[in-house]
Structures are given as structure tokens and as C-alpha cells.
């Protein structure tokens, strides 16, 4: 999936993605570049029938697309758990989560 790099960075900043690992100002940009480089490498190695490109914007018209993401967090799959980077990878915290 491809999305505008600046939009990805804004989203990552909003949910503080990987802030428990790095606060380097270039981290997000470098991370995204690395991901897209890796995607291109995989596309070169995999048979073409094993992948397809999709643009993020093409999903907007899907009925399941969530337009208001203001309440999303890195742990958005866990209802009512808007915890920040200090607890995301805390082993004690992770063990207490309901599965």
C-alpha cells in the first residue's frame, strides 16, 4: 500500500508511533523510506501474481473506511486503552491485557 509520506508522518506523530524506541527527528522519514525500499525489493523478488499495488486514497470510498481517526492510538485494537509510549512495551502492562 502506498500513501503520501507526509500523511504517514503526521499519523505516526499523532499516535507517537515508536516513541518508546526513538525520538530522533528524522526517524519517521527514514523509517518510511526504508519501508518503501523494502516493498520495492520484495516486488522484485516475488512473482508478480503474489502482490499488487494499492493507493491508500482508493480505500476512502470503502464502507469500512474510518474517516475520523482522531481517537486512534497505536493500541487502537484494544478498546479504551489510549496508553502512551511509556507503557506500550512494558511487559507487566502487556500481560494484564485481556486477549
PDB file of N, CA and C in Angstrom:
ATOM      1  N   UNK A   1       0.848  -1.171   0.000  1.00  0.00           N
ATOM      2  CA  UNK A   1       0.000   0.000   0.000  1.00  0.00           C
ATOM      3  C   UNK A   1       0.891   1.229   0.000  1.00  0.00           C
ATOM      4  N   UNK A   2       0.482   2.188  -0.779  1.00  0.00           N
ATOM      5  CA  UNK A   2       1.225   3.437  -0.883  1.00  0.00           C
ATOM      6  C   UNK A   2       0.379   4.589  -0.362  1.00  0.00           C
ATOM      7  N   UNK A   3       1.025   5.445   0.403  1.00  0.00           N
ATOM      8  CA  UNK A   3       0.367   6.632   0.948  1.00  0.00           C
ATOM      9  C   UNK A   3       1.366   7.779   0.925  1.00  0.00           C
ATOM     10  N   UNK A   4       0.868   8.992   0.825  1.00  0.00           N
ATOM     11  CA  UNK A   4       1.725  10.166   0.837  1.00  0.00           C
ATOM     12  C   UNK A   4       2.592  10.152   2.098  1.00  0.00           C
ATOM     13  N   UNK A   5       3.895  10.326   1.903  1.00  0.00           N
ATOM     14  CA  UNK A   5       4.846  10.233   3.008  1.00  0.00           C
ATOM     15  C   UNK A   5       4.527  11.225   4.127  1.00  0.00           C
ATOM     16  N   UNK A   6       4.197  12.451   3.790  1.00  0.00           N
ATOM     17  CA  UNK A   6       3.891  13.455   4.811  1.00  0.00           C
ATOM     18  C   UNK A   6       2.640  13.071   5.612  1.00  0.00           C
ATOM     19  N   UNK A   7       1.668  12.459   4.958  1.00  0.00           N
ATOM     20  CA  UNK A   7       0.475  11.998   5.668  1.00  0.00           C
ATOM     21  C   UNK A   7       0.815  10.863   6.636  1.00  0.00           C
ATOM     22  N   UNK A   8       1.704   9.999   6.220  1.00  0.00           N
ATOM     23  CA  UNK A   8       2.140   8.911   7.101  1.00  0.00           C
ATOM     24  C   UNK A   8       2.843   9.494   8.318  1.00  0.00           C
ATOM     25  N   UNK A   9       3.735  10.439   8.091  1.00  0.00           N
ATOM     26  CA  UNK A   9       4.475  11.056   9.199  1.00  0.00           C
ATOM     27  C   UNK A   9       3.513  11.730  10.171  1.00  0.00           C
ATOM     28  N   UNK A  10       2.540  12.465   9.657  1.00  0.00           N
ATOM     29  CA  UNK A  10       1.556  13.122  10.536  1.00  0.00           C
ATOM     30  C   UNK A  10       0.817  12.091  11.386  1.00  0.00           C
ATOM     31  N   UNK A  11       0.436  10.987  10.781  1.00  0.00           N
ATOM     32  CA  UNK A  11      -0.269   9.936  11.505  1.00  0.00           C
ATOM     33  C   UNK A  11       0.636   9.322  12.577  1.00  0.00           C
ATOM     34  N   UNK A  12       1.860   9.032  12.225  1.00  0.00           N
ATOM     35  CA  UNK A  12       2.802   8.446  13.172  1.00  0.00           C
ATOM     36  C   UNK A  12       3.070   9.401  14.336  1.00  0.00           C
ATOM     37  N   UNK A  13       3.203  10.673  14.040  1.00  0.00           N
ATOM     38  CA  UNK A  13       3.426  11.660  15.100  1.00  0.00           C
ATOM     39  C   UNK A  13       2.215  11.753  16.023  1.00  0.00           C
ATOM     40  N   UNK A  14       1.033  11.719  15.446  1.00  0.00           N
ATOM     41  CA  UNK A  14      -0.189  11.848  16.247  1.00  0.00           C
ATOM     42  C   UNK A  14      -0.324  10.716  17.260  1.00  0.00           C
ATOM     43  N   UNK A  15      -0.016   9.493  16.853  1.00  0.00           N
ATOM     44  CA  UNK A  15      -0.148   8.362  17.770  1.00  0.00           C
ATOM     45  C   UNK A  15       1.164   8.016  18.469  1.00  0.00           C
ATOM     46  N   UNK A  16       2.190   8.825  18.229  1.00  0.00           N
ATOM     47  CA  UNK A  16       3.515   8.643  18.847  1.00  0.00           C
ATOM     48  C   UNK A  16       4.110   7.269  18.544  1.00  0.00           C
ATOM     49  N   UNK A  17       3.949   6.843  17.299  1.00  0.00           N
ATOM     50  CA  UNK A  17       4.434   5.541  16.854  1.00  0.00           C
ATOM     51  C   UNK A  17       5.940   5.418  17.121  1.00  0.00           C
ATOM     52  N   UNK A  18       6.349   4.381  17.772  1.00  0.00           N
ATOM     53  CA  UNK A  18       7.742   4.084  18.098  1.00  0.00           C
ATOM     54  C   UNK A  18       8.404   5.113  19.004  1.00  0.00           C
ATOM     55  N   UNK A  19       7.641   5.980  19.659  1.00  0.00           N
ATOM     56  CA  UNK A  19       8.249   6.968  20.550  1.00  0.00           C
ATOM     57  C   UNK A  19       8.894   6.312  21.762  1.00  0.00           C
ATOM     58  N   UNK A  20       8.525   5.076  22.046  1.00  0.00           N
ATOM     59  CA  UNK A  20       9.175   4.376  23.147  1.00  0.00           C
ATOM     60  C   UNK A  20      10.557   3.856  22.733  1.00  0.00           C
ATOM     61  N   UNK A  21      10.850   3.900  21.428  1.00  0.00           N
ATOM     62  CA  UNK A  21      12.149   3.464  20.932  1.00  0.00           C
ATOM     63  C   UNK A  21      13.046   4.618  20.497  1.00  0.00           C
ATOM     64  N   UNK A  22      12.460   5.608  19.875  1.00  0.00           N
ATOM     65  CA  UNK A  22      13.280   6.662  19.284  1.00  0.00           C
ATOM     66  C   UNK A  22      12.538   7.990  19.271  1.00  0.00           C
ATOM     67  N   UNK A  23      13.278   9.060  19.565  1.00  0.00           N
ATOM     68  CA  UNK A  23      12.708  10.389  19.419  1.00  0.00           C
ATOM     69  C   UNK A  23      13.560  11.237  18.471  1.00  0.00           C
ATOM     70  N   UNK A  24      14.364  10.560  17.667  1.00  0.00           N
ATOM     71  CA  UNK A  24      15.207  11.259  16.694  1.00  0.00           C
ATOM     72  C   UNK A  24      14.311  11.965  15.674  1.00  0.00           C
ATOM     73  N   UNK A  25      14.580  13.229  15.357  1.00  0.00           N
ATOM     74  CA  UNK A  25      13.695  13.989  14.473  1.00  0.00           C
ATOM     75  C   UNK A  25      13.552  13.431  13.051  1.00  0.00           C
ATOM     76  N   UNK A  26      14.520  12.648  12.591  1.00  0.00           N
ATOM     77  CA  UNK A  26      14.454  12.087  11.240  1.00  0.00           C
ATOM     78  C   UNK A  26      13.954  10.640  11.216  1.00  0.00           C
ATOM     79  N   UNK A  27      13.608  10.117  12.376  1.00  0.00           N
ATOM     80  CA  UNK A  27      13.252   8.701  12.442  1.00  0.00           C
ATOM     81  C   UNK A  27      12.098   8.341  11.513  1.00  0.00           C
ATOM     82  N   UNK A  28      10.987   9.080  11.596  1.00  0.00           N
ATOM     83  CA  UNK A  28       9.819   8.725  10.794  1.00  0.00           C
ATOM     84  C   UNK A  28      10.116   8.751   9.305  1.00  0.00           C
ATOM     85  N   UNK A  29      10.760   9.785   8.849  1.00  0.00           N
ATOM     86  CA  UNK A  29      11.081   9.900   7.426  1.00  0.00           C
ATOM     87  C   UNK A  29      11.977   8.748   6.976  1.00  0.00           C
ATOM     88  N   UNK A  30      12.993   8.451   7.769  1.00  0.00           N
ATOM     89  CA  UNK A  30      13.914   7.362   7.438  1.00  0.00           C
ATOM     90  C   UNK A  30      13.199   6.017   7.463  1.00  0.00           C
ATOM     91  N   UNK A  31      12.349   5.828   8.455  1.00  0.00           N
ATOM     92  CA  UNK A  31      11.600   4.583   8.584  1.00  0.00           C
ATOM     93  C   UNK A  31      10.715   4.347   7.363  1.00  0.00           C
ATOM     94  N   UNK A  32      10.006   5.389   6.937  1.00  0.00           N
ATOM     95  CA  UNK A  32       9.121   5.273   5.774  1.00  0.00           C
ATOM     96  C   UNK A  32       9.927   4.979   4.516  1.00  0.00           C
ATOM     97  N   UNK A  33      11.030   5.681   4.323  1.00  0.00           N
ATOM     98  CA  UNK A  33      11.888   5.411   3.163  1.00  0.00           C
ATOM     99  C   UNK A  33      12.350   3.958   3.159  1.00  0.00           C
ATOM    100  N   UNK A  34      12.748   3.478   4.318  1.00  0.00           N
ATOM    101  CA  UNK A  34      13.200   2.085   4.427  1.00  0.00           C
ATOM    102  C   UNK A  34      12.070   1.119   4.059  1.00  0.00           C
ATOM    103  N   UNK A  35      10.865   1.400   4.564  1.00  0.00           N
ATOM    104  CA  UNK A  35       9.725   0.516   4.268  1.00  0.00           C
ATOM    105  C   UNK A  35       9.425   0.465   2.783  1.00  0.00           C
ATOM    106  N   UNK A  36       9.415   1.622   2.143  1.00  0.00           N
ATOM    107  CA  UNK A  36       9.130   1.635   0.705  1.00  0.00           C
ATOM    108  C   UNK A  36      10.253   0.977  -0.102  1.00  0.00           C
ATOM    109  N   UNK A  37      11.486   1.117   0.341  1.00  0.00           N
ATOM    110  CA  UNK A  37      12.603   0.425  -0.321  1.00  0.00           C
ATOM    111  C   UNK A  37      12.424  -1.088  -0.182  1.00  0.00           C
ATOM    112  N   UNK A  38      12.040  -1.516   1.000  1.00  0.00           N
ATOM    113  CA  UNK A  38      11.831  -2.940   1.243  1.00  0.00           C
ATOM    114  C   UNK A  38      10.673  -3.483   0.398  1.00  0.00           C
ATOM    115  N   UNK A  39       9.605  -2.719   0.310  1.00  0.00           N
ATOM    116  CA  UNK A  39       8.469  -3.127  -0.527  1.00  0.00           C
ATOM    117  C   UNK A  39       8.920  -3.322  -1.978  1.00  0.00           C
ATOM    118  N   UNK A  40       9.680  -2.384  -2.492  1.00  0.00           N
ATOM    119  CA  UNK A  40      10.162  -2.493  -3.873  1.00  0.00           C
ATOM    120  C   UNK A  40      11.066  -3.708  -4.045  1.00  0.00           C
ATOM    121  N   UNK A  41      11.891  -3.985  -3.051  1.00  0.00           N
ATOM    122  CA  UNK A  41      12.758  -5.164  -3.116  1.00  0.00           C
ATOM    123  C   UNK A  41      11.913  -6.435  -3.159  1.00  0.00           C
ATOM    124  N   UNK A  42      10.909  -6.511  -2.306  1.00  0.00           N
ATOM    125  CA  UNK A  42      10.041  -7.691  -2.298  1.00  0.00           C
ATOM    126  C   UNK A  42       9.331  -7.864  -3.634  1.00  0.00           C
ATOM    127  N   UNK A  43       8.868  -6.758  -4.204  1.00  0.00           N
ATOM    128  CA  UNK A  43       8.189  -6.834  -5.500  1.00  0.00           C
ATOM    129  C   UNK A  43       9.123  -7.369  -6.586  1.00  0.00           C
ATOM    130  N   UNK A  44      10.393  -7.076  -6.486  1.00  0.00           N
ATOM    131  CA  UNK A  44      11.362  -7.585  -7.463  1.00  0.00           C
ATOM    132  C   UNK A  44      11.647  -9.066  -7.269  1.00  0.00           C
ATOM    133  N   UNK A  45      11.487  -9.538  -6.050  1.00  0.00           N
ATOM    134  CA  UNK A  45      11.817 -10.929  -5.747  1.00  0.00           C
ATOM    135  C   UNK A  45      10.621 -11.880  -5.846  1.00  0.00           C
ATOM    136  N   UNK A  46       9.424 -11.353  -5.625  1.00  0.00           N
ATOM    137  CA  UNK A  46       8.236 -12.202  -5.654  1.00  0.00           C
ATOM    138  C   UNK A  46       7.632 -12.248  -7.054  1.00  0.00           C
ATOM    139  N   UNK A  47       7.004 -13.365  -7.394  1.00  0.00           N
ATOM    140  CA  UNK A  47       6.295 -13.406  -8.674  1.00  0.00           C
ATOM    141  C   UNK A  47       5.193 -12.341  -8.685  1.00  0.00           C
ATOM    142  N   UNK A  48       4.962 -11.734  -9.807  1.00  0.00           N
ATOM    143  CA  UNK A  48       4.013 -10.634  -9.908  1.00  0.00           C
ATOM    144  C   UNK A  48       2.597 -11.019  -9.476  1.00  0.00           C
ATOM    145  N   UNK A  49       2.227 -12.270  -9.621  1.00  0.00           N
ATOM    146  CA  UNK A  49       0.885 -12.691  -9.206  1.00  0.00           C
ATOM    147  C   UNK A  49       0.749 -12.794  -7.674  1.00  0.00           C
ATOM    148  N   UNK A  50       1.830 -12.593  -6.939  1.00  0.00           N
ATOM    149  CA  UNK A  50       1.806 -12.667  -5.475  1.00  0.00           C
ATOM    150  C   UNK A  50       1.614 -11.321  -4.798  1.00  0.00           C
ATOM    151  N   UNK A  51       1.507 -10.242  -5.541  1.00  0.00           N
ATOM    152  CA  UNK A  51       1.349  -8.913  -4.947  1.00  0.00           C
ATOM    153  C   UNK A  51       0.629  -7.986  -5.906  1.00  0.00           C
ATOM    154  N   UNK A  52       0.121  -6.898  -5.368  1.00  0.00           N
ATOM    155  CA  UNK A  52      -0.444  -5.834  -6.197  1.00  0.00           C
ATOM    156  C   UNK A  52      -0.304  -4.523  -5.441  1.00  0.00           C
ATOM    157  N   UNK A  53      -0.231  -3.442  -6.165  1.00  0.00           N
ATOM    158  CA  UNK A  53      -0.132  -2.112  -5.573  1.00  0.00           C
ATOM    159  C   UNK A  53      -1.523  -1.582  -5.274  1.00  0.00           C
ATOM    160  N   UNK A  54      -1.630  -0.861  -4.184  1.00  0.00           N
ATOM    161  CA  UNK A  54      -2.879  -0.186  -3.856  1.00  0.00           C
ATOM    162  C   UNK A  54      -2.529   1.182  -3.269  1.00  0.00           C
ATOM    163  N   UNK A  55      -3.291   2.165  -3.646  1.00  0.00           N
ATOM    164  CA  UNK A  55      -3.102   3.517  -3.129  1.00  0.00           C
ATOM    165  C   UNK A  55      -4.031   3.715  -1.936  1.00  0.00           C
ATOM    166  N   UNK A  56      -3.496   4.257  -0.876  1.00  0.00           N
ATOM    167  CA  UNK A  56      -4.275   4.493   0.339  1.00  0.00           C
ATOM    168  C   UNK A  56      -5.571   5.243   0.041  1.00  0.00           C
ATOM    169  N   UNK A  57      -5.480   6.265  -0.803  1.00  0.00           N
ATOM    170  CA  UNK A  57      -6.645   7.098  -1.115  1.00  0.00           C
ATOM    171  C   UNK A  57      -7.781   6.305  -1.751  1.00  0.00           C
ATOM    172  N   UNK A  58      -7.466   5.183  -2.389  1.00  0.00           N
ATOM    173  CA  UNK A  58      -8.513   4.390  -3.027  1.00  0.00           C
ATOM    174  C   UNK A  58      -9.419   3.712  -2.001  1.00  0.00           C
ATOM    175  N   UNK A  59      -8.997   3.653  -0.759  1.00  0.00           N
ATOM    176  CA  UNK A  59      -9.789   2.999   0.287  1.00  0.00           C
ATOM    177  C   UNK A  59     -10.871   3.905   0.864  1.00  0.00           C
ATOM    178  N   UNK A  60     -10.761   5.185   0.627  1.00  0.00           N
ATOM    179  CA  UNK A  60     -11.670   6.165   1.227  1.00  0.00           C
ATOM    180  C   UNK A  60     -13.134   5.867   0.911  1.00  0.00           C
ATOM    181  N   UNK A  61     -13.412   5.309  -0.230  1.00  0.00           N
ATOM    182  CA  UNK A  61     -14.794   5.045  -0.634  1.00  0.00           C
ATOM    183  C   UNK A  61     -15.326   3.703  -0.126  1.00  0.00           C
ATOM    184  N   UNK A  62     -14.483   2.931   0.517  1.00  0.00           N
ATOM    185  CA  UNK A  62     -14.932   1.660   1.064  1.00  0.00           C
ATOM    186  C   UNK A  62     -15.811   1.928   2.287  1.00  0.00           C
ATOM    187  N   UNK A  63     -16.927   1.214   2.429  1.00  0.00           N
ATOM    188  CA  UNK A  63     -17.825   1.469   3.566  1.00  0.00           C
ATOM    189  C   UNK A  63     -17.184   1.198   4.933  1.00  0.00           C
ATOM    190  N   UNK A  64     -16.133   0.412   4.973  1.00  0.00           N
ATOM    191  CA  UNK A  64     -15.474   0.112   6.247  1.00  0.00           C
ATOM    192  C   UNK A  64     -14.371   1.121   6.603  1.00  0.00           C
ATOM    193  N   UNK A  65     -14.092   2.045   5.695  1.00  0.00           N
ATOM    194  CA  UNK A  65     -13.046   3.029   5.937  1.00  0.00           C
ATOM    195  C   UNK A  65     -13.451   3.963   7.079  1.00  0.00           C
ATOM    196  N   UNK A  66     -12.560   4.156   8.036  1.00  0.00           N
ATOM    197  CA  UNK A  66     -12.814   5.048   9.168  1.00  0.00           C
ATOM    198  C   UNK A  66     -12.222   6.408   8.837  1.00  0.00           C
ATOM    199  N   UNK A  67     -13.087   7.399   8.671  1.00  0.00           N
ATOM    200  CA  UNK A  67     -12.613   8.731   8.287  1.00  0.00           C
ATOM    201  C   UNK A  67     -12.112   9.538   9.477  1.00  0.00           C
ATOM    202  N   UNK A  68     -12.781   9.452  10.608  1.00  0.00           N
ATOM    203  CA  UNK A  68     -12.354  10.195  11.794  1.00  0.00           C
ATOM    204  C   UNK A  68     -11.454   9.300  12.637  1.00  0.00           C
ATOM    205  N   UNK A  69     -10.174   9.557  12.576  1.00  0.00           N
ATOM    206  CA  UNK A  69      -9.195   8.745  13.297  1.00  0.00           C
ATOM    207  C   UNK A  69      -8.598   9.490  14.470  1.00  0.00           C
ATOM    208  N   UNK A  70      -9.256  10.542  14.906  1.00  0.00           N
ATOM    209  CA  UNK A  70      -8.700  11.385  15.965  1.00  0.00           C
ATOM    210  C   UNK A  70      -8.524  10.628  17.281  1.00  0.00           C
ATOM    211  N   UNK A  71      -9.284   9.578  17.492  1.00  0.00           N
ATOM    212  CA  UNK A  71      -9.148   8.798  18.724  1.00  0.00           C
ATOM    213  C   UNK A  71      -8.284   7.558  18.561  1.00  0.00           C
ATOM    214  N   UNK A  72      -7.718   7.363  17.388  1.00  0.00           N
ATOM    215  CA  UNK A  72      -6.868   6.194  17.171  1.00  0.00           C
ATOM    216  C   UNK A  72      -5.583   6.327  17.978  1.00  0.00           C
ATOM    217  N   UNK A  73      -5.099   5.194  18.425  1.00  0.00           N
ATOM    218  CA  UNK A  73      -3.802   5.126  19.103  1.00  0.00           C
ATOM    219  C   UNK A  73      -3.033   3.964  18.483  1.00  0.00           C
ATOM    220  N   UNK A  74      -1.814   3.783  18.907  1.00  0.00           N
ATOM    221  CA  UNK A  74      -1.038   2.634  18.442  1.00  0.00           C
ATOM    222  C   UNK A  74      -1.728   1.343  18.880  1.00  0.00           C
ATOM    223  N   UNK A  75      -2.429   1.398  19.983  1.00  0.00           N
ATOM    224  CA  UNK A  75      -3.140   0.224  20.500  1.00  0.00           C
ATOM    225  C   UNK A  75      -4.645   0.329  20.215  1.00  0.00           C
ATOM    226  N   UNK A  76      -5.005   0.877  19.061  1.00  0.00           N
ATOM    227  CA  UNK A  76      -6.410   1.106  18.750  1.00  0.00           C
ATOM    228  C   UNK A  76      -7.226  -0.185  18.689  1.00  0.00           C
ATOM    229  N   UNK A  77      -6.554  -1.314  18.548  1.00  0.00           N
ATOM    230  CA  UNK A  77      -7.266  -2.594  18.532  1.00  0.00           C
ATOM    231  C   UNK A  77      -7.708  -3.009  19.938  1.00  0.00           C
ATOM    232  N   UNK A  78      -7.265  -2.268  20.955  1.00  0.00           N
ATOM    233  CA  UNK A  78      -7.659  -2.548  22.332  1.00  0.00           C
ATOM    234  C   UNK A  78      -8.595  -1.439  22.812  1.00  0.00           C
ATOM    235  N   UNK A  79      -9.882  -1.705  22.905  1.00  0.00           N
ATOM    236  CA  UNK A  79     -10.843  -0.665  23.296  1.00  0.00           C
ATOM    237  C   UNK A  79     -10.490  -0.023  24.631  1.00  0.00           C
ATOM    238  N   UNK A  80     -10.633   1.288  24.703  1.00  0.00           N
ATOM    239  CA  UNK A  80     -10.425   2.064  25.927  1.00  0.00           C
ATOM    240  C   UNK A  80      -9.020   1.929  26.500  1.00  0.00           C
ATOM    241  N   UNK A  81      -8.032   1.760  25.650  1.00  0.00           N
ATOM    242  CA  UNK A  81      -6.648   1.640  26.103  1.00  0.00           C
ATOM    243  C   UNK A  81      -5.761   2.687  25.422  1.00  0.00           C
ATOM    244  N   UNK A  82      -6.015   3.959  25.661  1.00  0.00           N
ATOM    245  CA  UNK A  82      -5.220   5.000  24.985  1.00  0.00           C
ATOM    246  C   UNK A  82      -3.881   5.249  25.671  1.00  0.00           C
ATOM    247  N   UNK A  83      -3.193   4.189  26.028  1.00  0.00           N
ATOM    248  CA  UNK A  83      -1.931   4.338  26.743  1.00  0.00           C
ATOM    249  C   UNK A  83      -0.814   4.803  25.828  1.00  0.00           C
ATOM    250  N   UNK A  84       0.100   5.549  26.395  1.00  0.00           N
ATOM    251  CA  UNK A  84       1.189   6.123  25.619  1.00  0.00           C
ATOM    252  C   UNK A  84       2.439   5.268  25.585  1.00  0.00           C
ATOM    253  N   UNK A  85       3.516   5.820  25.037  1.00  0.00           N
ATOM    254  CA  UNK A  85       4.726   5.049  24.769  1.00  0.00           C
ATOM    255  C   UNK A  85       5.420   4.486  26.001  1.00  0.00           C
ATOM    256  N   UNK A  86       5.197   5.039  27.167  1.00  0.00           N
ATOM    257  CA  UNK A  86       5.865   4.505  28.351  1.00  0.00           C
ATOM    258  C   UNK A  86       5.325   3.137  28.743  1.00  0.00           C
ATOM    259  N   UNK A  87       4.106   2.813  28.328  1.00  0.00           N
ATOM    260  CA  UNK A  87       3.518   1.520  28.706  1.00  0.00           C
ATOM    261  C   UNK A  87       3.363   0.544  27.559  1.00  0.00           C
ATOM    262  N   UNK A  88       3.522   0.986  26.330  1.00  0.00           N
ATOM    263  CA  UNK A  88       3.265   0.103  25.192  1.00  0.00           C
ATOM    264  C   UNK A  88       4.038  -1.197  25.243  1.00  0.00           C
ATOM    265  N   UNK A  89       5.283  -1.127  25.598  1.00  0.00           N
ATOM    266  CA  UNK A  89       6.102  -2.329  25.561  1.00  0.00           C
ATOM    267  C   UNK A  89       6.545  -2.771  26.946  1.00  0.00           C
ATOM    268  N   UNK A  90       5.805  -2.320  27.942  1.00  0.00           N
ATOM    269  CA  UNK A  90       6.069  -2.718  29.312  1.00  0.00           C
ATOM    270  C   UNK A  90       5.506  -4.124  29.500  1.00  0.00           C
ATOM    271  N   UNK A  91       6.365  -5.095  29.812  1.00  0.00           N
ATOM    272  CA  UNK A  91       5.931  -6.488  29.895  1.00  0.00           C
ATOM    273  C   UNK A  91       4.794  -6.697  30.891  1.00  0.00           C
ATOM    274  N   UNK A  92       4.850  -6.044  32.052  1.00  0.00           N
ATOM    275  CA  UNK A  92       3.789  -6.180  33.039  1.00  0.00           C
ATOM    276  C   UNK A  92       2.467  -5.668  32.495  1.00  0.00           C
ATOM    277  N   UNK A  93       2.510  -4.566  31.799  1.00  0.00           N
ATOM    278  CA  UNK A  93       1.310  -3.997  31.196  1.00  0.00           C
ATOM    279  C   UNK A  93       0.741  -4.946  30.143  1.00  0.00           C
ATOM    280  N   UNK A  94       1.579  -5.446  29.268  1.00  0.00           N
ATOM    281  CA  UNK A  94       1.131  -6.343  28.205  1.00  0.00           C
ATOM    282  C   UNK A  94       0.498  -7.596  28.785  1.00  0.00           C
ATOM    283  N   UNK A  95       1.055  -8.139  29.854  1.00  0.00           N
ATOM    284  CA  UNK A  95       0.499  -9.361  30.438  1.00  0.00           C
ATOM    285  C   UNK A  95      -0.901  -9.132  31.038  1.00  0.00           C
ATOM    286  N   UNK A  96      -1.235  -7.904  31.397  1.00  0.00           N
ATOM    287  CA  UNK A  96      -2.526  -7.638  32.016  1.00  0.00           C
ATOM    288  C   UNK A  96      -3.656  -7.448  31.017  1.00  0.00           C
ATOM    289  N   UNK A  97      -3.335  -7.333  29.750  1.00  0.00           N
ATOM    290  CA  UNK A  97      -4.356  -7.069  28.749  1.00  0.00           C
ATOM    291  C   UNK A  97      -5.196  -8.291  28.483  1.00  0.00           C
ATOM    292  N   UNK A  98      -6.488  -8.061  28.365  1.00  0.00           N
ATOM    293  CA  UNK A  98      -7.383  -9.162  28.014  1.00  0.00           C
ATOM    294  C   UNK A  98      -7.165  -9.538  26.564  1.00  0.00           C
ATOM    295  N   UNK A  99      -7.179 -10.783  26.308  1.00  0.00           N
ATOM    296  CA  UNK A  99      -6.960 -11.265  24.944  1.00  0.00           C
ATOM    297  C   UNK A  99      -8.260 -11.352  24.208  1.00  0.00           C
TER     298      UNK A  99
END
